[in-house]
Amino acid sequence: MVQNTLSIYYGTETGNSRWVAEAIAGMAAKRGIPASVQDLVNVSAEQLARECDPALIVISTWNRGKPPFFARRFYTDLEQGKVRMDRLLFSVLALGDEHYEHFCACGRNVDNMLEKLGGKRWMPRVDMGSDFRREIHKLEAALWKHFDKIERK
């Protein structure tokens, strides 16, 4: 049986999403699952649309529900809606401050835009608060449960 690789993309302002992305890649390695980690500053919507492996987008919310500075080009590409994501299997981990009016708004928007563009979720979106370092360990079992159900290539 061929095993999927997990492609992890992160958009961050302060480094929290990167930390989560790298933590998940470490968890994958312990399970023998190949994983790659990429910063969304280097990824366009067109590149994501060509992704063959299940994608996990880890993105924080910044400045009244906006994307992190380094993920703005990617976010704008999605907003324009010009790229179909019909091949994309995706899930979103949204980070934010639960005391903030726009808690995880960017992640919710990315999740909705990817679906509208034809992407298929392999796991429901997860919103993580300021205690994300603890929440990530609670997420681990659900993450692999959903990942293991993905039809192999």
N, C-alpha and C. Protein backbone atom coordinates (compact mmCIF):
# COMPACT_ATOMS: atom_id res chain seq x y z
N MET A 1 0.85 -1.18 0.00
CA MET A 1 0.00 0.00 0.00
C MET A 1 0.89 1.24 0.00
N VAL A 2 0.53 2.20 -0.82
CA VAL A 2 1.26 3.45 -0.90
C VAL A 2 0.74 4.39 0.20
N GLN A 3 1.67 5.04 0.88
CA GLN A 3 1.27 5.95 1.96
C GLN A 3 1.32 7.39 1.47
N ASN A 4 0.30 8.15 1.86
CA ASN A 4 0.28 9.57 1.52
C ASN A 4 1.36 10.33 2.28
N THR A 5 1.83 11.37 1.65
CA THR A 5 2.68 12.36 2.31
C THR A 5 1.75 13.46 2.79
N LEU A 6 2.05 14.06 3.91
CA LEU A 6 1.28 15.19 4.41
C LEU A 6 2.04 16.46 4.06
N SER A 7 1.41 17.33 3.29
CA SER A 7 2.00 18.62 2.93
C SER A 7 1.42 19.67 3.85
N ILE A 8 2.29 20.28 4.65
CA ILE A 8 1.87 21.26 5.64
C ILE A 8 2.32 22.64 5.19
N TYR A 9 1.37 23.56 5.14
CA TYR A 9 1.64 24.94 4.76
C TYR A 9 1.29 25.83 5.94
N TYR A 10 2.10 26.85 6.19
CA TYR A 10 1.78 27.74 7.30
C TYR A 10 1.88 29.20 6.88
N GLY A 11 1.01 30.00 7.50
CA GLY A 11 1.03 31.46 7.35
C GLY A 11 1.09 32.04 8.74
N THR A 12 2.13 32.82 9.02
CA THR A 12 2.36 33.28 10.38
C THR A 12 2.85 34.72 10.41
N GLU A 13 2.59 35.37 11.48
CA GLU A 13 3.09 36.73 11.73
C GLU A 13 4.15 36.67 12.82
N THR A 14 3.91 35.88 13.85
CA THR A 14 4.80 35.84 15.02
C THR A 14 5.55 34.52 15.17
N GLY A 15 5.28 33.55 14.31
CA GLY A 15 5.95 32.26 14.37
C GLY A 15 5.12 31.14 14.98
N ASN A 16 3.94 31.45 15.50
CA ASN A 16 3.12 30.42 16.13
C ASN A 16 2.64 29.36 15.14
N SER A 17 2.19 29.77 13.98
CA SER A 17 1.73 28.80 12.98
C SER A 17 2.89 27.94 12.50
N ARG A 18 4.05 28.52 12.38
CA ARG A 18 5.23 27.73 12.00
C ARG A 18 5.51 26.68 13.07
N TRP A 19 5.44 27.08 14.33
CA TRP A 19 5.68 26.14 15.42
C TRP A 19 4.71 24.97 15.33
N VAL A 20 3.42 25.27 15.12
CA VAL A 20 2.40 24.21 15.02
C VAL A 20 2.69 23.32 13.81
N ALA A 21 3.00 23.91 12.67
CA ALA A 21 3.30 23.14 11.46
C ALA A 21 4.47 22.19 11.69
N GLU A 22 5.52 22.69 12.30
CA GLU A 22 6.70 21.86 12.56
C GLU A 22 6.41 20.79 13.61
N ALA A 23 5.58 21.11 14.60
CA ALA A 23 5.20 20.11 15.61
C ALA A 23 4.43 18.97 14.95
N ILE A 24 3.52 19.29 14.05
CA ILE A 24 2.74 18.26 13.36
C ILE A 24 3.65 17.43 12.45
N ALA A 25 4.59 18.07 11.79
CA ALA A 25 5.54 17.33 10.96
C ALA A 25 6.34 16.35 11.84
N GLY A 26 6.71 16.78 13.04
CA GLY A 26 7.41 15.89 13.97
C GLY A 26 6.54 14.72 14.40
N MET A 27 5.27 14.98 14.64
CA MET A 27 4.34 13.91 15.00
C MET A 27 4.20 12.92 13.85
N ALA A 28 4.14 13.45 12.63
CA ALA A 28 4.03 12.59 11.45
C ALA A 28 5.26 11.70 11.34
N ALA A 29 6.43 12.27 11.54
CA ALA A 29 7.67 11.50 11.44
C ALA A 29 7.67 10.33 12.43
N LYS A 30 7.16 10.58 13.63
CA LYS A 30 7.11 9.51 14.65
C LYS A 30 6.18 8.38 14.22
N ARG A 31 5.20 8.70 13.37
CA ARG A 31 4.26 7.68 12.86
C ARG A 31 4.74 7.08 11.54
N GLY A 32 5.89 7.54 11.05
CA GLY A 32 6.41 7.04 9.77
C GLY A 32 5.73 7.66 8.57
N ILE A 33 5.07 8.80 8.77
CA ILE A 33 4.38 9.49 7.68
C ILE A 33 5.27 10.60 7.15
N PRO A 34 5.63 10.55 5.87
CA PRO A 34 6.44 11.63 5.30
C PRO A 34 5.65 12.94 5.34
N ALA A 35 6.32 14.02 5.73
CA ALA A 35 5.67 15.33 5.78
C ALA A 35 6.63 16.40 5.30
N SER A 36 6.07 17.38 4.62
CA SER A 36 6.86 18.55 4.21
C SER A 36 6.21 19.78 4.81
N VAL A 37 7.00 20.80 5.09
CA VAL A 37 6.51 22.05 5.68
C VAL A 37 6.97 23.20 4.79
N GLN A 38 5.99 24.05 4.41
CA GLN A 38 6.30 25.20 3.55
C GLN A 38 5.63 26.45 4.07
N ASP A 39 6.31 27.56 3.97
CA ASP A 39 5.79 28.87 4.34
C ASP A 39 4.92 29.39 3.19
N LEU A 40 3.72 29.86 3.50
CA LEU A 40 2.81 30.37 2.46
C LEU A 40 3.36 31.61 1.76
N VAL A 41 4.37 32.24 2.31
CA VAL A 41 4.99 33.38 1.61
C VAL A 41 5.56 32.92 0.27
N ASN A 42 5.89 31.63 0.17
CA ASN A 42 6.50 31.07 -1.04
C ASN A 42 5.53 30.26 -1.89
N VAL A 43 4.23 30.32 -1.58
CA VAL A 43 3.25 29.46 -2.25
C VAL A 43 2.12 30.31 -2.84
N SER A 44 1.77 30.03 -4.07
CA SER A 44 0.63 30.70 -4.70
C SER A 44 -0.56 29.75 -4.70
N ALA A 45 -1.72 30.29 -4.98
CA ALA A 45 -2.92 29.45 -5.10
C ALA A 45 -2.73 28.42 -6.22
N GLU A 46 -2.07 28.82 -7.31
CA GLU A 46 -1.84 27.91 -8.42
C GLU A 46 -0.99 26.71 -7.98
N GLN A 47 0.02 26.98 -7.16
CA GLN A 47 0.86 25.89 -6.67
C GLN A 47 0.06 24.96 -5.76
N LEU A 48 -0.73 25.53 -4.87
CA LEU A 48 -1.54 24.70 -3.98
C LEU A 48 -2.53 23.85 -4.79
N ALA A 49 -3.09 24.41 -5.84
CA ALA A 49 -4.06 23.68 -6.66
C ALA A 49 -3.44 22.44 -7.30
N ARG A 50 -2.13 22.45 -7.50
CA ARG A 50 -1.43 21.30 -8.10
C ARG A 50 -0.99 20.27 -7.06
N GLU A 51 -1.27 20.54 -5.78
CA GLU A 51 -0.85 19.63 -4.71
C GLU A 51 -1.52 18.28 -4.88
N CYS A 52 -0.73 17.22 -4.84
CA CYS A 52 -1.26 15.86 -4.98
C CYS A 52 -1.48 15.18 -3.63
N ASP A 53 -0.76 15.63 -2.62
CA ASP A 53 -0.87 15.03 -1.29
C ASP A 53 -1.89 15.80 -0.45
N PRO A 54 -2.44 15.17 0.57
CA PRO A 54 -3.32 15.90 1.48
C PRO A 54 -2.57 17.12 2.05
N ALA A 55 -3.25 18.25 2.04
CA ALA A 55 -2.64 19.49 2.50
C ALA A 55 -3.28 19.93 3.82
N LEU A 56 -2.43 20.40 4.72
CA LEU A 56 -2.87 20.97 5.97
C LEU A 56 -2.39 22.42 5.99
N ILE A 57 -3.32 23.35 6.07
CA ILE A 57 -2.98 24.77 6.10
C ILE A 57 -3.12 25.25 7.53
N VAL A 58 -2.02 25.71 8.10
CA VAL A 58 -1.99 26.23 9.47
C VAL A 58 -1.81 27.74 9.33
N ILE A 59 -2.82 28.51 9.74
CA ILE A 59 -2.75 29.95 9.51
C ILE A 59 -3.33 30.72 10.69
N SER A 60 -2.68 31.80 11.01
CA SER A 60 -3.13 32.64 12.11
C SER A 60 -3.94 33.82 11.59
N THR A 61 -4.64 34.45 12.51
CA THR A 61 -5.43 35.64 12.20
C THR A 61 -4.70 36.84 12.77
N TRP A 62 -4.70 37.91 12.01
CA TRP A 62 -3.96 39.11 12.39
C TRP A 62 -4.79 40.34 12.06
N ASN A 63 -4.67 41.36 12.85
CA ASN A 63 -5.21 42.68 12.51
C ASN A 63 -6.64 42.66 11.99
N ARG A 64 -7.58 42.49 12.88
CA ARG A 64 -9.01 42.52 12.54
C ARG A 64 -9.45 41.46 11.55
N GLY A 65 -8.96 40.26 11.75
CA GLY A 65 -9.39 39.15 10.92
C GLY A 65 -8.62 38.95 9.64
N LYS A 66 -7.54 39.67 9.45
CA LYS A 66 -6.76 39.59 8.22
C LYS A 66 -5.74 38.47 8.28
N PRO A 67 -5.19 38.10 7.13
CA PRO A 67 -4.13 37.10 7.12
C PRO A 67 -2.83 37.70 7.64
N PRO A 68 -1.92 36.86 8.06
CA PRO A 68 -0.60 37.35 8.44
C PRO A 68 0.06 38.04 7.23
N PHE A 69 0.91 38.99 7.50
CA PHE A 69 1.56 39.76 6.43
C PHE A 69 2.18 38.84 5.38
N PHE A 70 2.87 37.81 5.83
CA PHE A 70 3.61 36.94 4.90
C PHE A 70 2.71 35.98 4.12
N ALA A 71 1.42 35.94 4.43
CA ALA A 71 0.50 35.07 3.69
C ALA A 71 -0.51 35.87 2.87
N ARG A 72 -0.32 37.17 2.79
CA ARG A 72 -1.31 38.02 2.10
C ARG A 72 -1.44 37.71 0.62
N ARG A 73 -0.34 37.46 -0.06
CA ARG A 73 -0.41 37.16 -1.50
C ARG A 73 -1.23 35.89 -1.73
N PHE A 74 -0.95 34.85 -0.93
CA PHE A 74 -1.70 33.60 -1.03
C PHE A 74 -3.19 33.85 -0.78
N TYR A 75 -3.50 34.58 0.28
CA TYR A 75 -4.88 34.88 0.66
C TYR A 75 -5.58 35.65 -0.46
N THR A 76 -4.91 36.64 -1.01
CA THR A 76 -5.48 37.45 -2.09
C THR A 76 -5.73 36.58 -3.33
N ASP A 77 -4.81 35.66 -3.62
CA ASP A 77 -5.02 34.72 -4.74
C ASP A 77 -6.32 33.94 -4.54
N LEU A 78 -6.55 33.47 -3.31
CA LEU A 78 -7.78 32.72 -3.04
C LEU A 78 -9.01 33.61 -3.18
N GLU A 79 -8.93 34.82 -2.64
CA GLU A 79 -10.07 35.76 -2.71
C GLU A 79 -10.48 36.04 -4.15
N GLN A 80 -9.52 36.12 -5.03
CA GLN A 80 -9.82 36.41 -6.43
C GLN A 80 -10.58 35.28 -7.10
N GLY A 81 -10.46 34.08 -6.56
CA GLY A 81 -11.25 32.94 -7.02
C GLY A 81 -10.99 32.48 -8.43
N LYS A 82 -9.81 32.72 -8.95
CA LYS A 82 -9.51 32.37 -10.34
C LYS A 82 -8.95 30.97 -10.52
N VAL A 83 -8.55 30.35 -9.42
CA VAL A 83 -7.90 29.04 -9.50
C VAL A 83 -8.81 27.98 -8.91
N ARG A 84 -9.10 26.95 -9.68
CA ARG A 84 -9.91 25.83 -9.20
C ARG A 84 -9.05 24.91 -8.36
N MET A 85 -9.62 24.41 -7.28
CA MET A 85 -8.91 23.53 -6.34
C MET A 85 -9.52 22.12 -6.37
N ASP A 86 -10.04 21.70 -7.50
CA ASP A 86 -10.77 20.44 -7.60
C ASP A 86 -9.96 19.21 -7.19
N ARG A 87 -8.65 19.25 -7.33
CA ARG A 87 -7.80 18.10 -6.96
C ARG A 87 -7.36 18.15 -5.50
N LEU A 88 -7.58 19.28 -4.84
CA LEU A 88 -7.01 19.51 -3.52
C LEU A 88 -7.80 18.82 -2.41
N LEU A 89 -7.10 18.04 -1.60
CA LEU A 89 -7.62 17.51 -0.34
C LEU A 89 -6.99 18.39 0.73
N PHE A 90 -7.82 19.05 1.53
CA PHE A 90 -7.27 20.03 2.47
C PHE A 90 -7.93 19.96 3.83
N SER A 91 -7.23 20.51 4.78
CA SER A 91 -7.78 20.80 6.09
C SER A 91 -7.10 22.07 6.58
N VAL A 92 -7.79 22.78 7.46
CA VAL A 92 -7.26 24.05 7.97
C VAL A 92 -7.20 24.00 9.49
N LEU A 93 -6.05 24.40 10.02
CA LEU A 93 -5.89 24.66 11.45
C LEU A 93 -5.78 26.17 11.58
N ALA A 94 -6.76 26.78 12.22
CA ALA A 94 -6.79 28.23 12.37
C ALA A 94 -6.31 28.58 13.78
N LEU A 95 -5.38 29.53 13.86
CA LEU A 95 -4.88 29.99 15.15
C LEU A 95 -5.38 31.40 15.41
N GLY A 96 -5.66 31.67 16.67
CA GLY A 96 -6.09 33.01 17.05
C GLY A 96 -6.21 33.14 18.56
N ASP A 97 -6.52 34.34 18.96
CA ASP A 97 -6.74 34.64 20.38
C ASP A 97 -8.24 34.58 20.64
N GLU A 98 -8.65 33.62 21.47
CA GLU A 98 -10.09 33.41 21.70
C GLU A 98 -10.78 34.59 22.37
N HIS A 99 -10.03 35.54 22.89
CA HIS A 99 -10.62 36.73 23.51
C HIS A 99 -10.80 37.87 22.50
N TYR A 100 -10.44 37.62 21.27
CA TYR A 100 -10.43 38.62 20.21
C TYR A 100 -11.70 38.52 19.38
N GLU A 101 -12.25 39.63 19.02
CA GLU A 101 -13.49 39.68 18.24
C GLU A 101 -13.41 38.85 16.95
N HIS A 102 -12.26 38.83 16.33
CA HIS A 102 -12.09 38.14 15.03
C HIS A 102 -11.36 36.81 15.19
N PHE A 103 -11.66 36.10 16.27
CA PHE A 103 -11.01 34.83 16.58
C PHE A 103 -11.01 33.89 15.37
N CYS A 104 -9.84 33.55 14.88
CA CYS A 104 -9.63 32.58 13.80
C CYS A 104 -10.34 32.95 12.49
N ALA A 105 -10.65 34.21 12.29
CA ALA A 105 -11.38 34.64 11.08
C ALA A 105 -10.62 34.30 9.81
N CYS A 106 -9.32 34.50 9.81
CA CYS A 106 -8.54 34.21 8.61
C CYS A 106 -8.64 32.73 8.25
N GLY A 107 -8.46 31.86 9.22
CA GLY A 107 -8.55 30.43 8.97
C GLY A 107 -9.94 30.01 8.49
N ARG A 108 -10.98 30.59 9.09
CA ARG A 108 -12.34 30.29 8.64
C ARG A 108 -12.51 30.72 7.18
N ASN A 109 -11.98 31.91 6.84
CA ASN A 109 -12.10 32.40 5.47
C ASN A 109 -11.35 31.52 4.49
N VAL A 110 -10.13 31.11 4.83
CA VAL A 110 -9.35 30.24 3.95
C VAL A 110 -10.10 28.92 3.75
N ASP A 111 -10.62 28.35 4.82
CA ASP A 111 -11.37 27.10 4.75
C ASP A 111 -12.56 27.24 3.80
N ASN A 112 -13.32 28.31 3.95
CA ASN A 112 -14.49 28.55 3.09
C ASN A 112 -14.09 28.78 1.64
N MET A 113 -13.03 29.57 1.42
CA MET A 113 -12.60 29.85 0.05
C MET A 113 -12.12 28.58 -0.64
N LEU A 114 -11.35 27.74 0.04
CA LEU A 114 -10.87 26.50 -0.57
C LEU A 114 -12.04 25.59 -0.96
N GLU A 115 -13.06 25.53 -0.11
CA GLU A 115 -14.24 24.73 -0.45
C GLU A 115 -14.96 25.32 -1.66
N LYS A 116 -15.16 26.63 -1.67
CA LYS A 116 -15.84 27.27 -2.81
C LYS A 116 -15.09 27.06 -4.11
N LEU A 117 -13.78 26.95 -4.03
CA LEU A 117 -12.96 26.76 -5.22
C LEU A 117 -12.85 25.29 -5.63
N GLY A 118 -13.57 24.42 -4.92
CA GLY A 118 -13.65 23.01 -5.31
C GLY A 118 -12.83 22.05 -4.48
N GLY A 119 -12.08 22.54 -3.49
CA GLY A 119 -11.30 21.66 -2.64
C GLY A 119 -12.19 20.77 -1.78
N LYS A 120 -11.66 19.62 -1.39
CA LYS A 120 -12.39 18.66 -0.56
C LYS A 120 -11.67 18.53 0.79
N ARG A 121 -12.43 18.69 1.88
CA ARG A 121 -11.85 18.58 3.22
C ARG A 121 -11.58 17.12 3.57
N TRP A 122 -10.43 16.87 4.15
CA TRP A 122 -10.16 15.53 4.69
C TRP A 122 -10.34 15.53 6.21
N MET A 123 -10.43 16.71 6.81
CA MET A 123 -10.70 16.84 8.24
C MET A 123 -11.37 18.19 8.44
N PRO A 124 -12.38 18.27 9.30
CA PRO A 124 -13.01 19.57 9.56
C PRO A 124 -12.01 20.58 10.13
N ARG A 125 -12.25 21.85 9.84
CA ARG A 125 -11.38 22.92 10.35
C ARG A 125 -11.31 22.86 11.88
N VAL A 126 -10.14 23.15 12.40
CA VAL A 126 -9.94 23.22 13.84
C VAL A 126 -9.49 24.63 14.19
N ASP A 127 -10.18 25.26 15.14
CA ASP A 127 -9.81 26.59 15.63
C ASP A 127 -9.05 26.41 16.94
N MET A 128 -7.85 26.98 16.99
CA MET A 128 -7.00 26.84 18.16
C MET A 128 -6.75 28.21 18.78
N GLY A 129 -6.87 28.28 20.11
CA GLY A 129 -6.68 29.53 20.82
C GLY A 129 -5.24 29.76 21.25
N SER A 130 -5.07 30.66 22.18
CA SER A 130 -3.74 31.05 22.61
C SER A 130 -3.00 29.94 23.36
N ASP A 131 -3.70 28.90 23.76
CA ASP A 131 -3.08 27.76 24.42
C ASP A 131 -2.80 26.64 23.41
N PHE A 132 -2.43 27.03 22.20
CA PHE A 132 -2.26 26.08 21.09
C PHE A 132 -1.21 25.01 21.38
N ARG A 133 -0.22 25.30 22.21
CA ARG A 133 0.82 24.31 22.50
C ARG A 133 0.23 23.10 23.26
N ARG A 134 -0.79 23.31 24.04
CA ARG A 134 -1.48 22.19 24.69
C ARG A 134 -2.54 21.60 23.78
N GLU A 135 -3.25 22.48 23.07
CA GLU A 135 -4.33 22.03 22.19
C GLU A 135 -3.81 21.11 21.09
N ILE A 136 -2.59 21.32 20.64
CA ILE A 136 -2.05 20.51 19.56
C ILE A 136 -1.99 19.04 19.97
N HIS A 137 -1.73 18.77 21.23
CA HIS A 137 -1.66 17.37 21.67
C HIS A 137 -3.05 16.75 21.78
N LYS A 138 -4.06 17.55 22.07
CA LYS A 138 -5.45 17.05 22.07
C LYS A 138 -5.89 16.75 20.64
N LEU A 139 -5.38 17.50 19.70
CA LEU A 139 -5.74 17.35 18.30
C LEU A 139 -5.11 16.12 17.66
N GLU A 140 -4.00 15.68 18.19
CA GLU A 140 -3.20 14.64 17.54
C GLU A 140 -4.00 13.39 17.17
N ALA A 141 -4.77 12.84 18.07
CA ALA A 141 -5.52 11.61 17.79
C ALA A 141 -6.52 11.82 16.65
N ALA A 142 -7.25 12.93 16.69
CA ALA A 142 -8.24 13.21 15.64
C ALA A 142 -7.55 13.43 14.29
N LEU A 143 -6.44 14.11 14.32
CA LEU A 143 -5.69 14.39 13.08
C LEU A 143 -5.33 13.09 12.37
N TRP A 144 -4.74 12.15 13.09
CA TRP A 144 -4.32 10.90 12.44
C TRP A 144 -5.50 10.00 12.12
N LYS A 145 -6.56 10.07 12.91
CA LYS A 145 -7.77 9.30 12.60
C LYS A 145 -8.31 9.72 11.23
N HIS A 146 -8.41 11.02 11.00
CA HIS A 146 -8.89 11.52 9.71
C HIS A 146 -7.89 11.25 8.59
N PHE A 147 -6.61 11.45 8.88
CA PHE A 147 -5.57 11.23 7.86
C PHE A 147 -5.56 9.78 7.41
N ASP A 148 -5.71 8.86 8.35
CA ASP A 148 -5.69 7.42 8.01
C ASP A 148 -6.87 7.00 7.15
N LYS A 149 -7.94 7.78 7.14
CA LYS A 149 -9.12 7.45 6.33
C LYS A 149 -9.03 7.94 4.89
N ILE A 150 -8.01 8.75 4.60
CA ILE A 150 -7.86 9.27 3.23
C ILE A 150 -7.51 8.12 2.30
N GLU A 151 -8.22 8.05 1.18
CA GLU A 151 -7.94 7.01 0.20
C GLU A 151 -6.52 7.18 -0.33
N ARG A 152 -5.77 6.14 -0.29
CA ARG A 152 -4.37 6.19 -0.73
C ARG A 152 -4.27 6.32 -2.24
N LYS A 153 -3.18 6.93 -2.66
CA LYS A 153 -2.95 7.13 -4.10
C LYS A 153 -2.59 5.83 -4.77
